[in-house]
C-alpha atoms as a PDB file:
ATOM      1  CA  MET A   1       4.926   4.444  12.884  1.00  0.00           C
ATOM      2  CA  ILE A   2       2.037   3.905  10.558  1.00  0.00           C
ATOM      3  CA  GLY A   3       2.755   0.267   9.664  1.00  0.00           C
ATOM      4  CA  LYS A   4       0.454   0.275   6.642  1.00  0.00           C
ATOM      5  CA  CYS A   5      -0.150   2.202   3.448  1.00  0.00           C
ATOM      6  CA  PRO A   6      -2.715   4.999   3.939  1.00  0.00           C
ATOM      7  CA  ASN A   7      -4.192   4.307   0.497  1.00  0.00           C
ATOM      8  CA  CYS A   8      -4.503   0.531   0.177  1.00  0.00           C
ATOM      9  CA  ASN A   9      -3.943  -0.521   3.825  1.00  0.00           C
ATOM     10  CA  ILE A  10      -1.371  -3.194   2.988  1.00  0.00           C
ATOM     11  CA  MET A  11       0.823  -4.025   5.971  1.00  0.00           C
ATOM     12  CA  LEU A  12       4.321  -2.733   5.153  1.00  0.00           C
ATOM     13  CA  LYS A  13       6.346  -5.246   7.169  1.00  0.00           C
ATOM     14  CA  GLU A  14       4.414  -8.341   6.009  1.00  0.00           C
ATOM     15  CA  PRO A  15       5.175 -10.337   2.822  1.00  0.00           C
ATOM     16  CA  PRO A  16       4.875 -10.292  -0.138  1.00  0.00           C
ATOM     17  CA  PHE A  17       7.413  -7.547  -0.834  1.00  0.00           C
ATOM     18  CA  ASP A  18       7.377  -7.760  -4.668  1.00  0.00           C
ATOM     19  CA  ASN A  19       8.687  -4.394  -5.913  1.00  0.00           C
ATOM     20  CA  ARG A  20       6.712  -2.268  -3.492  1.00  0.00           C
ATOM     21  CA  THR A  21       7.871   0.515  -1.234  1.00  0.00           C
ATOM     22  CA  THR A  22       8.052  -0.421   2.440  1.00  0.00           C
ATOM     23  CA  ASN A  23       9.748   2.750   3.676  1.00  0.00           C
ATOM     24  CA  GLU A  24       7.202   4.587   5.828  1.00  0.00           C
ATOM     25  CA  VAL A  25       8.866   7.965   5.330  1.00  0.00           C
ATOM     26  CA  MET A  26       8.697   7.701   1.538  1.00  0.00           C
ATOM     27  CA  ILE A  27       5.096   6.516   1.644  1.00  0.00           C
ATOM     28  CA  THR A  28       4.109   9.371   3.949  1.00  0.00           C
ATOM     29  CA  LEU A  29       5.845  11.912   1.700  1.00  0.00           C
ATOM     30  CA  ARG A  30       4.109  10.575  -1.425  1.00  0.00           C
ATOM     31  CA  TYR A  31       0.739  10.558   0.299  1.00  0.00           C
ATOM     32  CA  ARG A  32       1.108  14.051   1.777  1.00  0.00           C
ATOM     33  CA  ASP A  33       2.268  15.428  -1.574  1.00  0.00           C
ATOM     34  CA  ARG A  34      -0.893  14.127  -3.231  1.00  0.00           C
ATOM     35  CA  VAL A  35      -3.185  15.332  -0.447  1.00  0.00           C
ATOM     36  CA  ASP A  36      -1.562  18.759  -0.076  1.00  0.00           C
ATOM     37  CA  ASN A  37      -1.737  19.387  -3.831  1.00  0.00           C
ATOM     38  CA  ASN A  38      -5.357  18.199  -4.101  1.00  0.00           C
ATOM     39  CA  GLN A  39      -4.413  15.388  -6.488  1.00  0.00           C
ATOM     40  CA  SER A  40      -6.700  12.406  -6.557  1.00  0.00           C
ATOM     41  CA  ILE A  41      -5.410   8.999  -5.582  1.00  0.00           C
ATOM     42  CA  GLY A  42      -6.923   6.131  -7.530  1.00  0.00           C
ATOM     43  CA  SER A  43      -8.070   3.050  -5.689  1.00  0.00           C
ATOM     44  CA  ILE A  44      -6.016  -0.118  -5.919  1.00  0.00           C
ATOM     45  CA  GLU A  45      -9.094  -1.960  -7.189  1.00  0.00           C
ATOM     46  CA  SER A  46      -9.571   0.359 -10.178  1.00  0.00           C
ATOM     47  CA  LYS A  47      -5.895   0.732 -11.167  1.00  0.00           C
ATOM     48  CA  GLY A  48      -4.585  -2.693 -10.198  1.00  0.00           C
ATOM     49  CA  TYR A  49      -1.778  -1.137  -8.158  1.00  0.00           C
ATOM     50  CA  CYS A  50      -1.382   1.407  -5.385  1.00  0.00           C
ATOM     51  CA  GLU A  51      -0.119   4.820  -6.467  1.00  0.00           C
ATOM     52  CA  ILE A  52       1.440   5.393  -3.040  1.00  0.00           C
ATOM     53  CA  CYS A  53       3.354   2.188  -2.222  1.00  0.00           C
ATOM     54  CA  ASP A  54       3.323   0.450  -5.644  1.00  0.00           C
ATOM     55  CA  ALA A  55       1.697  -2.688  -4.235  1.00  0.00           C
ATOM     56  CA  ARG A  56      -0.259  -4.713  -6.773  1.00  0.00           C
ATOM     57  CA  LEU A  57      -3.780  -5.936  -6.194  1.00  0.00           C
ATOM     58  CA  GLU A  58      -2.408  -9.501  -6.177  1.00  0.00           C
ATOM     59  CA  ASP A  59      -0.008  -8.570  -3.342  1.00  0.00           C
ATOM     60  CA  LEU A  60      -2.866  -7.228  -1.259  1.00  0.00           C
ATOM     61  CA  GLU A  61      -4.946 -10.367  -1.864  1.00  0.00           C
ATOM     62  CA  LYS A  62      -1.995 -12.637  -0.977  1.00  0.00           C
ATOM     63  CA  GLN A  63      -1.455 -10.723   2.245  1.00  0.00           C
ATOM     64  CA  ARG A  64      -5.134 -10.877   3.187  1.00  0.00           C
ATOM     65  CA  THR A  65      -5.415 -14.616   2.592  1.00  0.00           C
ATOM     66  CA  GLY A  66      -2.067 -15.273   4.295  1.00  0.00           C
ATOM     67  CA  ASN A  67      -3.108 -13.399   7.433  1.00  0.00           C
ATOM     68  CA  LYS A  68      -6.388 -15.339   7.660  1.00  0.00           C
ATOM     69  CA  ALA A  69      -4.553 -18.661   7.496  1.00  0.00           C
ATOM     70  CA  ALA A  70      -2.315 -17.752  10.433  1.00  0.00           C
ATOM     71  CA  PRO A  71      -3.577 -18.720  13.928  1.00  0.00           C
END
């Protein structure tokens, strides 16, 4: 299992889960479809959300700061 989005690297099983895809199969299919068809994938920083898992930039920041606070 991949455990994280291949585009934005958000951990799929860690909160926050606000309207983002956590299903690894669906994420892999979306990612492979883009890669196999030579479609570009915008960065989460430039778009404000991930085109693969629908995570928002705020979700990624919350997860990063939350993981640092944990022992």
